[in-house]
Amino acid sequence: MTEPAMQLGRTGEADRGAAAVGAGSCGLRPDPAHGAPPRCWVIDATDWQRLEYACAVLRRYAISAHPALGADPETTGDRLRAAILARFPDADGAYLFWTVPDDEACFTPGGQLRAPLTVYRHGSGTDPAVRAALQLVALTAPPGPRPDTLTVRPRSGSFTPPDGI
């Protein structure tokens, strides 16, 4: 669904595991088509990899989910909605993304969150789906600064995924 104006805006995604299926010390490469990744992968993966995995899960459920897309949230959201509706006129235009400036400010070069990341979303039923996808990778996103946002916060201290992951 990406068009030239909607390509990922940040270079170096591959360095941070943009495919979100990189094998860590557990040696597994999870597939978003099969639900929750293995616990060892969740522990080893960077925050960026885990967010990209959640985006891949959301895309399987018709939510156009993109990391580091566009610079301005309003313009990017309008373009995403228009692209979705042009391709699927009966859709509600559900999307999720974070901006390139937020990506650059919130992630270390190694893919760990160093500051809260604002994630923009739109579409009926998007919140429960986003929360469920994030839960698969041991992330949470409380309401953000605007009604159409959620905030993914960096880990604090040592990280152990909750039971069930």
Foldseek 3Di string as FASTA:
>chain_A
DDDPLWPQDDPLCVLLPLVLQDAFPVGGGDDLVVFFDDQVSLQGHAPNSLVSSLCNVVVVVVAAEDEATAADVVVRLVVQQVVSCVVPVVAQSWYKYFHNVLCVVQADSNRFGPAKTKMFIDDPPPVVSSQRSSLSSQWGWPADPDNRITITGGDPDRDHRDPPD
